[in-house]
N, C-alpha and C. Protein backbone atom coordinates (compact mmCIF):
# COMPACT_ATOMS: atom_id res chain seq x y z
N UNK A 1 0.80 -1.18 0.00
CA UNK A 1 0.00 0.00 0.00
C UNK A 1 0.86 1.26 0.00
N UNK A 2 2.02 1.15 0.63
CA UNK A 2 2.90 2.32 0.67
C UNK A 2 3.35 2.72 -0.73
N UNK A 3 3.65 1.79 -1.58
CA UNK A 3 4.07 2.08 -2.95
C UNK A 3 2.97 2.78 -3.71
N UNK A 4 1.74 2.38 -3.50
CA UNK A 4 0.59 3.01 -4.17
C UNK A 4 0.42 4.43 -3.66
N UNK A 5 0.63 4.67 -2.39
CA UNK A 5 0.50 6.01 -1.80
C UNK A 5 1.54 6.96 -2.39
N UNK A 6 2.75 6.47 -2.51
CA UNK A 6 3.81 7.31 -3.09
C UNK A 6 3.52 7.61 -4.56
N UNK A 7 3.09 6.61 -5.28
CA UNK A 7 2.75 6.79 -6.69
C UNK A 7 1.63 7.80 -6.84
N UNK A 8 0.63 7.71 -5.99
CA UNK A 8 -0.49 8.64 -6.03
C UNK A 8 -0.01 10.07 -5.77
N UNK A 9 0.90 10.19 -4.78
CA UNK A 9 1.41 11.52 -4.46
C UNK A 9 2.22 12.09 -5.62
N UNK A 10 3.05 11.28 -6.26
CA UNK A 10 3.85 11.74 -7.39
C UNK A 10 2.94 12.19 -8.53
N UNK A 11 1.93 11.38 -8.82
CA UNK A 11 0.99 11.73 -9.89
C UNK A 11 0.27 13.03 -9.54
N UNK A 12 -0.15 13.16 -8.29
CA UNK A 12 -0.85 14.38 -7.87
C UNK A 12 0.05 15.60 -8.02
N UNK A 13 1.31 15.49 -7.66
CA UNK A 13 2.23 16.61 -7.80
C UNK A 13 2.45 16.97 -9.26
N UNK A 14 2.55 15.97 -10.11
CA UNK A 14 2.71 16.24 -11.53
C UNK A 14 1.50 16.96 -12.10
N UNK A 15 0.32 16.50 -11.70
CA UNK A 15 -0.92 17.13 -12.18
C UNK A 15 -1.00 18.57 -11.68
N UNK A 16 -0.70 18.79 -10.41
CA UNK A 16 -0.75 20.14 -9.86
C UNK A 16 0.29 21.04 -10.53
N UNK A 17 1.45 20.49 -10.80
CA UNK A 17 2.48 21.26 -11.48
C UNK A 17 2.03 21.69 -12.86
N UNK A 18 1.36 20.82 -13.56
CA UNK A 18 0.87 21.14 -14.89
C UNK A 18 -0.21 22.20 -14.83
N UNK A 19 -1.00 22.19 -13.76
CA UNK A 19 -2.07 23.18 -13.63
C UNK A 19 -1.50 24.56 -13.34
N UNK A 20 -0.31 24.61 -12.79
CA UNK A 20 0.28 25.89 -12.44
C UNK A 20 0.89 26.63 -13.60
N UNK A 21 0.96 26.02 -14.76
CA UNK A 21 1.54 26.70 -15.91
C UNK A 21 0.60 27.77 -16.41
N UNK A 22 1.18 28.81 -16.98
CA UNK A 22 0.39 29.88 -17.55
C UNK A 22 -0.35 29.35 -18.79
N UNK A 23 -1.59 29.75 -18.94
CA UNK A 23 -2.33 29.31 -20.13
C UNK A 23 -1.71 29.91 -21.39
N UNK A 24 -1.79 29.18 -22.46
CA UNK A 24 -1.23 29.63 -23.72
C UNK A 24 -2.11 30.72 -24.31
N UNK A 25 -1.49 31.80 -24.76
CA UNK A 25 -2.22 32.85 -25.46
C UNK A 25 -1.81 32.76 -26.92
N UNK A 26 -2.55 32.01 -27.66
CA UNK A 26 -2.22 31.77 -29.06
C UNK A 26 -2.20 33.09 -29.82
N UNK A 27 -1.17 33.23 -30.64
CA UNK A 27 -1.05 34.42 -31.47
C UNK A 27 -0.38 35.59 -30.77
N UNK A 28 -0.17 35.51 -29.48
CA UNK A 28 0.48 36.58 -28.74
C UNK A 28 1.92 36.18 -28.49
N UNK A 29 2.86 36.95 -29.03
CA UNK A 29 4.26 36.58 -28.82
C UNK A 29 4.65 36.79 -27.37
N UNK A 30 5.62 36.04 -26.90
CA UNK A 30 6.08 36.24 -25.53
C UNK A 30 6.69 37.63 -25.41
N UNK A 31 6.64 38.22 -24.23
CA UNK A 31 7.21 39.55 -24.09
C UNK A 31 8.71 39.52 -24.39
N UNK A 32 9.17 40.50 -25.14
CA UNK A 32 10.57 40.56 -25.53
C UNK A 32 11.42 41.07 -24.36
N UNK A 33 12.60 40.57 -24.28
CA UNK A 33 13.54 41.06 -23.28
C UNK A 33 14.15 42.33 -23.84
N UNK A 34 14.05 43.40 -23.09
CA UNK A 34 14.55 44.68 -23.53
C UNK A 34 16.07 44.73 -23.36
N UNK A 35 16.77 45.09 -24.41
CA UNK A 35 18.23 45.17 -24.36
C UNK A 35 18.65 46.58 -23.97
N UNK A 36 19.91 46.76 -23.56
CA UNK A 36 20.40 48.11 -23.29
C UNK A 36 20.26 49.03 -24.51
N UNK A 37 20.45 48.49 -25.70
CA UNK A 37 20.31 49.30 -26.91
C UNK A 37 18.86 49.77 -27.07
N UNK A 38 17.91 48.89 -26.81
CA UNK A 38 16.50 49.28 -26.92
C UNK A 38 16.12 50.31 -25.86
N UNK A 39 16.66 50.16 -24.65
CA UNK A 39 16.39 51.15 -23.60
C UNK A 39 16.95 52.51 -23.99
N UNK A 40 18.15 52.52 -24.57
CA UNK A 40 18.74 53.79 -25.02
C UNK A 40 17.92 54.40 -26.14
N UNK A 41 17.42 53.58 -27.05
CA UNK A 41 16.57 54.07 -28.13
C UNK A 41 15.31 54.72 -27.57
N UNK A 42 14.64 54.02 -26.65
CA UNK A 42 13.42 54.58 -26.05
C UNK A 42 13.71 55.88 -25.32
N UNK A 43 14.81 55.94 -24.60
CA UNK A 43 15.18 57.16 -23.89
C UNK A 43 15.47 58.28 -24.87
N UNK A 44 16.12 57.95 -25.98
CA UNK A 44 16.43 58.94 -26.99
C UNK A 44 15.19 59.51 -27.65
N UNK A 45 14.24 58.65 -27.98
CA UNK A 45 13.00 59.12 -28.61
C UNK A 45 12.20 59.96 -27.61
N UNK A 46 12.17 59.52 -26.36
CA UNK A 46 11.47 60.32 -25.33
C UNK A 46 12.11 61.70 -25.19
N UNK A 47 13.44 61.74 -25.14
CA UNK A 47 14.13 63.02 -25.02
C UNK A 47 13.85 63.89 -26.25
N UNK A 48 13.84 63.29 -27.42
CA UNK A 48 13.53 64.03 -28.64
C UNK A 48 12.12 64.63 -28.55
N UNK A 49 11.16 63.80 -28.16
CA UNK A 49 9.77 64.26 -28.03
C UNK A 49 9.63 65.38 -27.00
N UNK A 50 10.51 65.37 -26.00
CA UNK A 50 10.48 66.39 -24.95
C UNK A 50 11.31 67.62 -25.30
N UNK A 51 11.90 67.64 -26.50
CA UNK A 51 12.69 68.78 -26.93
C UNK A 51 14.08 68.83 -26.33
N UNK A 52 14.53 67.73 -25.76
CA UNK A 52 15.87 67.64 -25.17
C UNK A 52 16.81 67.04 -26.21
N UNK A 53 17.16 67.83 -27.21
CA UNK A 53 17.84 67.30 -28.38
C UNK A 53 19.27 66.84 -28.11
N UNK A 54 19.99 67.51 -27.24
CA UNK A 54 21.36 67.07 -26.93
C UNK A 54 21.33 65.70 -26.26
N UNK A 55 20.42 65.53 -25.32
CA UNK A 55 20.28 64.23 -24.65
C UNK A 55 19.79 63.17 -25.64
N UNK A 56 18.84 63.56 -26.49
CA UNK A 56 18.32 62.62 -27.49
C UNK A 56 19.43 62.15 -28.41
N UNK A 57 20.26 63.08 -28.87
CA UNK A 57 21.36 62.72 -29.76
C UNK A 57 22.30 61.72 -29.08
N UNK A 58 22.64 61.99 -27.84
CA UNK A 58 23.54 61.10 -27.10
C UNK A 58 22.92 59.71 -26.93
N UNK A 59 21.65 59.64 -26.54
CA UNK A 59 21.00 58.35 -26.32
C UNK A 59 20.84 57.57 -27.63
N UNK A 60 20.49 58.26 -28.70
CA UNK A 60 20.30 57.59 -29.99
C UNK A 60 21.62 57.05 -30.53
N UNK A 61 22.69 57.85 -30.39
CA UNK A 61 24.00 57.36 -30.81
C UNK A 61 24.42 56.15 -29.97
N UNK A 62 24.15 56.22 -28.68
CA UNK A 62 24.48 55.09 -27.80
C UNK A 62 23.70 53.85 -28.22
N UNK A 63 22.43 54.01 -28.54
CA UNK A 63 21.61 52.87 -28.96
C UNK A 63 22.21 52.20 -30.19
N UNK A 64 22.66 53.00 -31.14
CA UNK A 64 23.27 52.44 -32.34
C UNK A 64 24.61 51.77 -32.02
N UNK A 65 25.39 52.38 -31.15
CA UNK A 65 26.68 51.80 -30.77
C UNK A 65 26.51 50.49 -30.02
N UNK A 66 25.43 50.39 -29.24
CA UNK A 66 25.18 49.16 -28.48
C UNK A 66 24.66 48.04 -29.37
N UNK A 67 24.28 48.38 -30.59
CA UNK A 67 23.90 47.35 -31.56
C UNK A 67 22.42 47.01 -31.58
N UNK A 68 21.61 47.94 -32.04
CA UNK A 68 20.18 47.65 -32.21
C UNK A 68 20.03 46.52 -33.22
N UNK A 69 19.35 45.46 -32.83
CA UNK A 69 19.25 44.28 -33.68
C UNK A 69 18.21 44.44 -34.78
N UNK A 70 17.07 45.02 -34.45
CA UNK A 70 15.98 45.11 -35.41
C UNK A 70 16.20 46.26 -36.39
N UNK A 71 16.06 46.00 -37.69
CA UNK A 71 16.22 47.07 -38.67
C UNK A 71 15.30 48.26 -38.38
N UNK A 72 14.08 47.98 -37.95
CA UNK A 72 13.13 49.07 -37.68
C UNK A 72 13.62 49.96 -36.53
N UNK A 73 14.27 49.36 -35.54
CA UNK A 73 14.83 50.16 -34.44
C UNK A 73 15.96 51.04 -34.95
N UNK A 74 16.80 50.49 -35.83
CA UNK A 74 17.88 51.29 -36.41
C UNK A 74 17.32 52.45 -37.24
N UNK A 75 16.25 52.19 -37.97
CA UNK A 75 15.61 53.24 -38.77
C UNK A 75 15.15 54.38 -37.86
N UNK A 76 14.50 54.03 -36.76
CA UNK A 76 14.00 55.05 -35.83
C UNK A 76 15.16 55.89 -35.30
N UNK A 77 16.24 55.24 -34.91
CA UNK A 77 17.39 55.97 -34.37
C UNK A 77 18.00 56.89 -35.44
N UNK A 78 18.23 56.37 -36.63
CA UNK A 78 18.83 57.18 -37.69
C UNK A 78 17.92 58.33 -38.11
N UNK A 79 16.64 58.09 -38.20
CA UNK A 79 15.69 59.13 -38.60
C UNK A 79 15.70 60.28 -37.59
N UNK A 80 15.62 59.94 -36.30
CA UNK A 80 15.61 60.99 -35.29
C UNK A 80 16.94 61.74 -35.26
N UNK A 81 18.04 61.02 -35.45
CA UNK A 81 19.33 61.72 -35.53
C UNK A 81 19.37 62.65 -36.74
N UNK A 82 18.82 62.21 -37.86
CA UNK A 82 18.77 63.07 -39.05
C UNK A 82 18.00 64.34 -38.74
N UNK A 83 16.87 64.21 -38.08
CA UNK A 83 16.07 65.39 -37.73
C UNK A 83 16.86 66.34 -36.84
N UNK A 84 17.55 65.77 -35.85
CA UNK A 84 18.35 66.60 -34.93
C UNK A 84 19.45 67.32 -35.71
N UNK A 85 20.15 66.60 -36.57
CA UNK A 85 21.25 67.19 -37.32
C UNK A 85 20.77 68.27 -38.28
N UNK A 86 19.68 68.01 -38.98
CA UNK A 86 19.17 69.01 -39.91
C UNK A 86 18.70 70.26 -39.16
N UNK A 87 18.05 70.05 -38.04
CA UNK A 87 17.55 71.18 -37.26
C UNK A 87 18.69 72.04 -36.74
N UNK A 88 19.81 71.43 -36.46
CA UNK A 88 20.96 72.18 -35.96
C UNK A 88 21.93 72.54 -37.10
N UNK A 89 21.43 72.47 -38.34
CA UNK A 89 22.18 72.89 -39.54
C UNK A 89 23.43 72.05 -39.81
N UNK A 90 23.43 70.80 -39.35
CA UNK A 90 24.52 69.89 -39.67
C UNK A 90 24.05 69.00 -40.83
N UNK A 91 24.00 69.60 -42.00
CA UNK A 91 23.37 69.00 -43.17
C UNK A 91 24.07 67.72 -43.61
N UNK A 92 25.38 67.69 -43.60
CA UNK A 92 26.12 66.49 -44.02
C UNK A 92 25.76 65.31 -43.11
N UNK A 93 25.75 65.55 -41.80
CA UNK A 93 25.40 64.49 -40.85
C UNK A 93 23.95 64.06 -41.01
N UNK A 94 23.08 65.03 -41.31
CA UNK A 94 21.67 64.73 -41.54
C UNK A 94 21.53 63.78 -42.73
N UNK A 95 22.18 64.10 -43.82
CA UNK A 95 22.12 63.26 -45.02
C UNK A 95 22.68 61.87 -44.73
N UNK A 96 23.77 61.81 -43.99
CA UNK A 96 24.37 60.52 -43.63
C UNK A 96 23.39 59.66 -42.85
N UNK A 97 22.65 60.27 -41.93
CA UNK A 97 21.69 59.51 -41.13
C UNK A 97 20.50 59.03 -41.96
N UNK A 98 20.03 59.87 -42.89
CA UNK A 98 18.95 59.42 -43.77
C UNK A 98 19.42 58.24 -44.63
N UNK A 99 20.64 58.30 -45.11
CA UNK A 99 21.17 57.20 -45.92
C UNK A 99 21.31 55.92 -45.07
N UNK A 100 21.74 56.08 -43.84
CA UNK A 100 21.85 54.92 -42.94
C UNK A 100 20.48 54.31 -42.67
N UNK A 101 19.47 55.14 -42.54
CA UNK A 101 18.11 54.63 -42.34
C UNK A 101 17.66 53.83 -43.56
N UNK A 102 17.99 54.33 -44.75
CA UNK A 102 17.63 53.61 -45.99
C UNK A 102 18.39 52.29 -46.10
N UNK A 103 19.63 52.25 -45.63
CA UNK A 103 20.38 50.99 -45.65
C UNK A 103 19.76 49.99 -44.68
N UNK A 104 19.30 50.47 -43.54
CA UNK A 104 18.68 49.58 -42.55
C UNK A 104 17.38 49.01 -43.08
N UNK A 105 16.63 49.83 -43.83
CA UNK A 105 15.37 49.39 -44.43
C UNK A 105 15.18 50.13 -45.74
N UNK A 106 15.47 49.47 -46.87
CA UNK A 106 15.35 50.14 -48.17
C UNK A 106 13.96 50.70 -48.45
N UNK A 107 12.94 50.20 -47.77
CA UNK A 107 11.58 50.70 -47.97
C UNK A 107 11.27 51.91 -47.08
N UNK A 108 12.22 52.32 -46.26
CA UNK A 108 12.01 53.44 -45.35
C UNK A 108 11.65 54.70 -46.14
N UNK A 109 10.65 55.40 -45.63
CA UNK A 109 10.25 56.67 -46.22
C UNK A 109 9.73 57.57 -45.11
N UNK A 110 9.69 58.84 -45.37
CA UNK A 110 9.13 59.79 -44.42
C UNK A 110 7.66 59.97 -44.72
N UNK A 111 6.91 60.34 -43.71
CA UNK A 111 5.50 60.68 -43.93
C UNK A 111 5.46 61.97 -44.75
N UNK A 112 4.31 62.29 -45.30
CA UNK A 112 4.18 63.50 -46.11
C UNK A 112 4.56 64.75 -45.32
N UNK A 113 4.05 64.92 -44.08
CA UNK A 113 4.45 66.12 -43.33
C UNK A 113 5.96 66.15 -43.03
N UNK A 114 6.53 64.98 -42.72
CA UNK A 114 7.97 64.93 -42.46
C UNK A 114 8.76 65.30 -43.70
N UNK A 115 8.37 64.75 -44.84
CA UNK A 115 9.09 65.00 -46.09
C UNK A 115 8.98 66.46 -46.52
N UNK A 116 7.92 67.13 -46.08
CA UNK A 116 7.74 68.53 -46.45
C UNK A 116 8.35 69.51 -45.46
N UNK A 117 9.03 69.02 -44.47
CA UNK A 117 9.63 69.91 -43.47
C UNK A 117 10.67 70.82 -44.13
N UNK A 118 10.67 72.11 -43.79
CA UNK A 118 11.58 73.03 -44.47
C UNK A 118 13.07 72.78 -44.20
N UNK A 119 13.41 72.18 -43.08
CA UNK A 119 14.83 71.95 -42.79
C UNK A 119 15.33 70.62 -43.32
N UNK A 120 14.60 69.53 -43.08
CA UNK A 120 15.13 68.24 -43.53
C UNK A 120 14.47 67.73 -44.80
N UNK A 121 13.39 68.33 -45.23
CA UNK A 121 12.73 67.92 -46.47
C UNK A 121 13.65 67.96 -47.68
N UNK A 122 14.36 69.08 -47.90
CA UNK A 122 15.28 69.14 -49.05
C UNK A 122 16.41 68.10 -48.96
N UNK A 123 16.91 67.84 -47.75
CA UNK A 123 17.96 66.84 -47.59
C UNK A 123 17.40 65.47 -47.92
N UNK A 124 16.20 65.18 -47.44
CA UNK A 124 15.53 63.91 -47.72
C UNK A 124 15.37 63.73 -49.24
N UNK A 125 14.97 64.78 -49.93
CA UNK A 125 14.79 64.68 -51.38
C UNK A 125 16.11 64.34 -52.07
N UNK A 126 17.21 64.91 -51.62
CA UNK A 126 18.53 64.56 -52.20
C UNK A 126 18.86 63.10 -51.99
N UNK A 127 18.52 62.58 -50.83
CA UNK A 127 18.81 61.17 -50.52
C UNK A 127 17.99 60.26 -51.43
N UNK A 128 16.83 60.70 -51.86
CA UNK A 128 15.95 59.89 -52.71
C UNK A 128 16.46 59.78 -54.13
N UNK A 129 17.27 60.72 -54.55
CA UNK A 129 17.78 60.70 -55.93
C UNK A 129 18.86 59.65 -56.07
N UNK A 130 18.83 58.91 -57.19
CA UNK A 130 19.84 57.85 -57.39
C UNK A 130 21.24 58.37 -57.58
């Protein structure tokens, strides 16, 4: 009888252990682990949105140096750096960042309002020419 009792307990523990697992959410990817590069990117975009351009530039450059894995993340960093550079009249650096964004994602484009901006719009148009 002792062997049956132990077997019953083992089976019960296995069943309870299985019940403790999180239910599957089909179609929902597991939460991504945020990397230091992604944290720097988020901080840079937040600083940009808050008008803290020097801090944004530093954070965005750091994000790129830390190695953003996703092409879309690299596009975001390069695009915001281009905006910062064009706004501060560093046209060569602005063009370089737009080109880097296109290398990260050849389909990258600016929205209509972005492309029409008086400071970076003309630089963007030059980058579009073959």
